[in-house]
């Protein structure tokens, strides 16, 4: 009798286990068709008025509704400027009016180069904290690689090409200030091509852009930033161009009046 009961209960236990696994009760899993896919992302930065309240926010936009299973991003490996961000310093949130978007916010102090890299903490494991809206499927694994926007932006106020008499000139307006202690990468272009700094191996140069540092991000305004940009560019390109600030504007002029030449100044992001 005991053997028969053991066999009966053993069979029932095995059946329950098979049903448990077969119905996906073992937890969310990725699926090529059903798993939400990352459609787009944006990155922003902000502060709440102090050194200790600097944040980077990664806004994740998926192709279908998603849900958060855990607000702490333990399955994310996030580095900023090559430095690992602790999962305890991050949080996942979702607004009530957008079921397809989730925001990952991390606290930071100094972001050095501003390079952001986000990958799964375990290779080929995906992100456990984000699933389909019904909780059955993990999102498809994705990688994010970009420069964090510093908050500083430039707007063209006027531009003049070189004509053989007058040199090429461009006037840029600083239209944003530092959101966090970071770097604004600025490129000088002539006829649409990046002007090389001659220091491509320097950590202060990235893809032809030079680093303008925002150490005093809480006190800097547009006028100070314009002066910092002009002074920085002068150190790299002062042989062939002149740079000066006037209020919150940066004025760049080529020294030689080369005909049919245009110049520009851009904030570099990728």
Foldseek 3Di string as FASTA:
>chain_A
DVVVVCVVVVVVVVVVVCVCVVVQVVFAAADPPPAWEFDDKDKAWAADQDLFGTKIKIKTFTPAFKDFPAFQFPFKFKAALNHTADSVQWTKDDDPVHRGMIMIMGTDRAREAQWMKIFTPDPPPATRGMTHPVRHHHHDTDMDIKGYDQFWFKDWPDWDPQAQPFWTKTKIFTDTAGRHFYWWWKFKDKPRHTDALVCCVDSQADPSTGTQTDRVRSPDDLQNSLQSVQVRVCVRPVVFWHWDGDRNMIMITGPGSDRPMTMDMGGDMD
